[in-house]
C-alpha atoms as a PDB file:
ATOM      1  CA  MET A   1     161.659 119.149 -12.975  1.00  0.00           C
ATOM      2  CA  ASP A   2     163.940 121.753 -11.366  1.00  0.00           C
ATOM      3  CA  THR A   3     162.533 122.326  -7.898  1.00  0.00           C
ATOM      4  CA  PRO A   4     164.452 123.399  -4.786  1.00  0.00           C
ATOM      5  CA  SER A   5     164.078 119.864  -3.421  1.00  0.00           C
ATOM      6  CA  ALA A   6     165.428 118.344  -6.623  1.00  0.00           C
ATOM      7  CA  ARG A   7     168.430 120.691  -6.500  1.00  0.00           C
ATOM      8  CA  LEU A   8     169.140 119.742  -2.870  1.00  0.00           C
ATOM      9  CA  ILE A   9     168.935 116.041  -3.651  1.00  0.00           C
ATOM     10  CA  ALA A  10     171.227 116.440  -6.646  1.00  0.00           C
ATOM     11  CA  ALA A  11     173.728 118.426  -4.579  1.00  0.00           C
ATOM     12  CA  ALA A  12     173.715 115.816  -1.828  1.00  0.00           C
ATOM     13  CA  GLN A  13     174.293 113.035  -4.319  1.00  0.00           C
ATOM     14  CA  ALA A  14     177.168 114.978  -5.900  1.00  0.00           C
ATOM     15  CA  ALA A  15     178.848 115.617  -2.542  1.00  0.00           C
ATOM     16  CA  PRO A  16     182.240 113.997  -2.234  1.00  0.00           C
ATOM     17  CA  THR A  17     182.661 111.244   0.312  1.00  0.00           C
ATOM     18  CA  THR A  18     185.714 109.796   1.967  1.00  0.00           C
ATOM     19  CA  ILE A  19     186.411 106.991   4.405  1.00  0.00           C
ATOM     20  CA  ASP A  20     188.642 107.748   7.357  1.00  0.00           C
ATOM     21  CA  SER A  21     191.105 105.317   8.926  1.00  0.00           C
ATOM     22  CA  ASP A  22     188.461 104.420  11.543  1.00  0.00           C
ATOM     23  CA  GLY A  23     186.187 103.189   8.728  1.00  0.00           C
ATOM     24  CA  ARG A  24     183.650 106.005   8.985  1.00  0.00           C
ATOM     25  CA  VAL A  25     182.094 107.263   5.762  1.00  0.00           C
ATOM     26  CA  LEU A  26     182.225 111.052   5.737  1.00  0.00           C
ATOM     27  CA  ALA A  27     179.972 112.902   3.301  1.00  0.00           C
ATOM     28  CA  LEU A  28     181.401 116.316   2.566  1.00  0.00           C
ATOM     29  CA  ARG A  29     180.132 119.580   1.168  1.00  0.00           C
ATOM     30  CA  ARG A  30     182.030 122.292  -0.665  1.00  0.00           C
ATOM     31  CA  LEU A  31     181.544 125.440   1.359  1.00  0.00           C
ATOM     32  CA  THR A  32     179.719 128.304  -0.300  1.00  0.00           C
ATOM     33  CA  ALA A  33     180.392 131.951   0.437  1.00  0.00           C
ATOM     34  CA  LEU A  34     177.443 131.938   2.849  1.00  0.00           C
ATOM     35  CA  ASP A  35     178.795 128.825   4.606  1.00  0.00           C
ATOM     36  CA  LYS A  36     182.148 130.569   5.084  1.00  0.00           C
ATOM     37  CA  LEU A  37     180.455 133.683   6.422  1.00  0.00           C
ATOM     38  CA  ARG A  38     178.521 131.552   8.926  1.00  0.00           C
ATOM     39  CA  LEU A  39     181.725 129.769   9.933  1.00  0.00           C
ATOM     40  CA  PHE A  40     183.426 133.113  10.625  1.00  0.00           C
ATOM     41  CA  LYS A  41     180.436 134.158  12.732  1.00  0.00           C
ATOM     42  CA  ALA A  42     180.514 130.877  14.665  1.00  0.00           C
ATOM     43  CA  ALA A  43     184.250 131.204  15.267  1.00  0.00           C
ATOM     44  CA  GLY A  44     184.002 134.753  16.550  1.00  0.00           C
ATOM     45  CA  PRO A  45     186.275 137.675  15.691  1.00  0.00           C
ATOM     46  CA  ALA A  46     189.445 136.441  17.394  1.00  0.00           C
ATOM     47  CA  LEU A  47     189.390 132.857  16.126  1.00  0.00           C
ATOM     48  CA  ALA A  48     188.318 133.909  12.619  1.00  0.00           C
ATOM     49  CA  GLN A  49     191.761 135.564  12.380  1.00  0.00           C
ATOM     50  CA  ASN A  50     193.629 132.510  13.691  1.00  0.00           C
ATOM     51  CA  HIS A  51     194.472 130.755  10.412  1.00  0.00           C
ATOM     52  CA  LEU A  52     195.531 127.458  11.958  1.00  0.00           C
ATOM     53  CA  TRP A  53     192.387 127.154  14.078  1.00  0.00           C
ATOM     54  CA  LEU A  54     190.173 128.303  11.216  1.00  0.00           C
ATOM     55  CA  GLY A  55     191.755 125.786   8.832  1.00  0.00           C
ATOM     56  CA  MET A  56     190.857 122.866  11.052  1.00  0.00           C
ATOM     57  CA  ALA A  57     187.418 124.353  11.747  1.00  0.00           C
ATOM     58  CA  THR A  58     186.816 124.655   8.003  1.00  0.00           C
ATOM     59  CA  LEU A  59     187.588 120.975   7.509  1.00  0.00           C
ATOM     60  CA  ALA A  60     185.150 120.002  10.255  1.00  0.00           C
ATOM     61  CA  TYR A  61     182.515 122.436   8.964  1.00  0.00           C
ATOM     62  CA  SER A  62     182.719 120.659   5.593  1.00  0.00           C
ATOM     63  CA  VAL A  63     181.212 117.459   7.005  1.00  0.00           C
ATOM     64  CA  ALA A  64     177.607 116.932   5.937  1.00  0.00           C
ATOM     65  CA  ALA A  65     177.144 113.414   7.354  1.00  0.00           C
ATOM     66  CA  ILE A  66     178.994 110.679   9.202  1.00  0.00           C
ATOM     67  CA  ASP A  67     177.941 107.140   8.262  1.00  0.00           C
ATOM     68  CA  ASP A  68     174.804 108.559   6.571  1.00  0.00           C
ATOM     69  CA  VAL A  69     173.763 110.434   9.734  1.00  0.00           C
ATOM     70  CA  PRO A  70     173.423 114.166   8.936  1.00  0.00           C
ATOM     71  CA  VAL A  71     175.745 116.504  10.815  1.00  0.00           C
ATOM     72  CA  PRO A  72     174.280 119.971  11.384  1.00  0.00           C
ATOM     73  CA  ALA A  73     176.613 122.880  10.737  1.00  0.00           C
ATOM     74  CA  PRO A  74     178.075 124.139  14.021  1.00  0.00           C
ATOM     75  CA  ILE A  75     176.908 127.594  15.090  1.00  0.00           C
ATOM     76  CA  ASN A  76     179.435 128.481  17.785  1.00  0.00           C
ATOM     77  CA  GLU A  77     182.975 127.798  18.940  1.00  0.00           C
ATOM     78  CA  ALA A  78     181.952 125.011  21.337  1.00  0.00           C
ATOM     79  CA  GLN A  79     180.080 123.147  18.592  1.00  0.00           C
ATOM     80  CA  ILE A  80     183.009 123.500  16.193  1.00  0.00           C
ATOM     81  CA  GLU A  81     185.370 122.091  18.821  1.00  0.00           C
ATOM     82  CA  ALA A  82     182.943 119.263  19.617  1.00  0.00           C
ATOM     83  CA  LEU A  83     182.814 118.298  15.936  1.00  0.00           C
ATOM     84  CA  VAL A  84     186.605 118.424  15.617  1.00  0.00           C
ATOM     85  CA  SER A  85     186.817 116.201  18.698  1.00  0.00           C
ATOM     86  CA  ARG A  86     184.244 113.784  17.256  1.00  0.00           C
ATOM     87  CA  LEU A  87     186.131 113.563  13.958  1.00  0.00           C
ATOM     88  CA  GLY A  88     189.529 113.202  15.607  1.00  0.00           C
ATOM     89  CA  ASP A  89     192.747 112.950  13.662  1.00  0.00           C
ATOM     90  CA  ALA A  90     191.351 110.157  11.483  1.00  0.00           C
ATOM     91  CA  GLY A  91     188.423 112.241  10.278  1.00  0.00           C
ATOM     92  CA  ILE A  92     190.295 115.521   9.892  1.00  0.00           C
ATOM     93  CA  ASN A  93     193.083 113.863   7.895  1.00  0.00           C
ATOM     94  CA  ALA A  94     190.594 112.094   5.608  1.00  0.00           C
ATOM     95  CA  ILE A  95     188.685 115.331   4.987  1.00  0.00           C
ATOM     96  CA  ALA A  96     191.877 117.240   4.232  1.00  0.00           C
ATOM     97  CA  SER A  97     192.967 114.571   1.749  1.00  0.00           C
ATOM     98  CA  ALA A  98     189.569 114.561   0.061  1.00  0.00           C
ATOM     99  CA  LEU A  99     189.208 118.341  -0.259  1.00  0.00           C
ATOM    100  CA  VAL A 100     192.754 119.409  -1.099  1.00  0.00           C
ATOM    101  CA  PRO A 101     193.257 119.406  -4.860  1.00  0.00           C
ATOM    102  CA  PRO A 102     196.085 117.251  -6.159  1.00  0.00           C
ATOM    103  CA  ASP A 103     199.400 118.908  -6.977  1.00  0.00           C
ATOM    104  CA  PRO A 104     199.350 120.568 -10.392  1.00  0.00           C
ATOM    105  CA  ILE A 105     201.221 118.779 -13.135  1.00  0.00           C
ATOM    106  CA  ASP A 106     204.394 120.530 -14.176  1.00  0.00           C
ATOM    107  CA  MET A 107     203.903 120.701 -17.944  1.00  0.00           C
ATOM    108  CA  ALA A 108     207.641 121.234 -18.551  1.00  0.00           C
ATOM    109  CA  ASP A 109     208.310 117.752 -17.167  1.00  0.00           C
ATOM    110  CA  HIS A 110     205.805 116.230 -19.601  1.00  0.00           C
ATOM    111  CA  ALA A 111     206.489 118.338 -22.698  1.00  0.00           C
ATOM    112  CA  GLY A 112     209.063 115.931 -24.134  1.00  0.00           C
ATOM    113  CA  ASN A 113     211.488 118.725 -24.910  1.00  0.00           C
END
């Protein structure tokens, strides 16, 4: 049966997870267009144009749960910064590693020519 609840459960189960160097299990979500729009709103006009700040905020915003405890999406700059602080370097680095796609394979190196 394809109900909204069933879709949410399936999406949660498909969410990637990672373990940071502090041993915390971080459940992640891939941000949708609406999630990104809400992140820009939470960041405000000035910070939404600061690519370095926004990059770290995006990583934090991608956290759905820490050790199976749901993490609500931040709705303002202070909440974003509080989540980044809570995650620390260990969490941010683990999220970045989990969400960044691996380097593409250079086919010329593997062509055997």
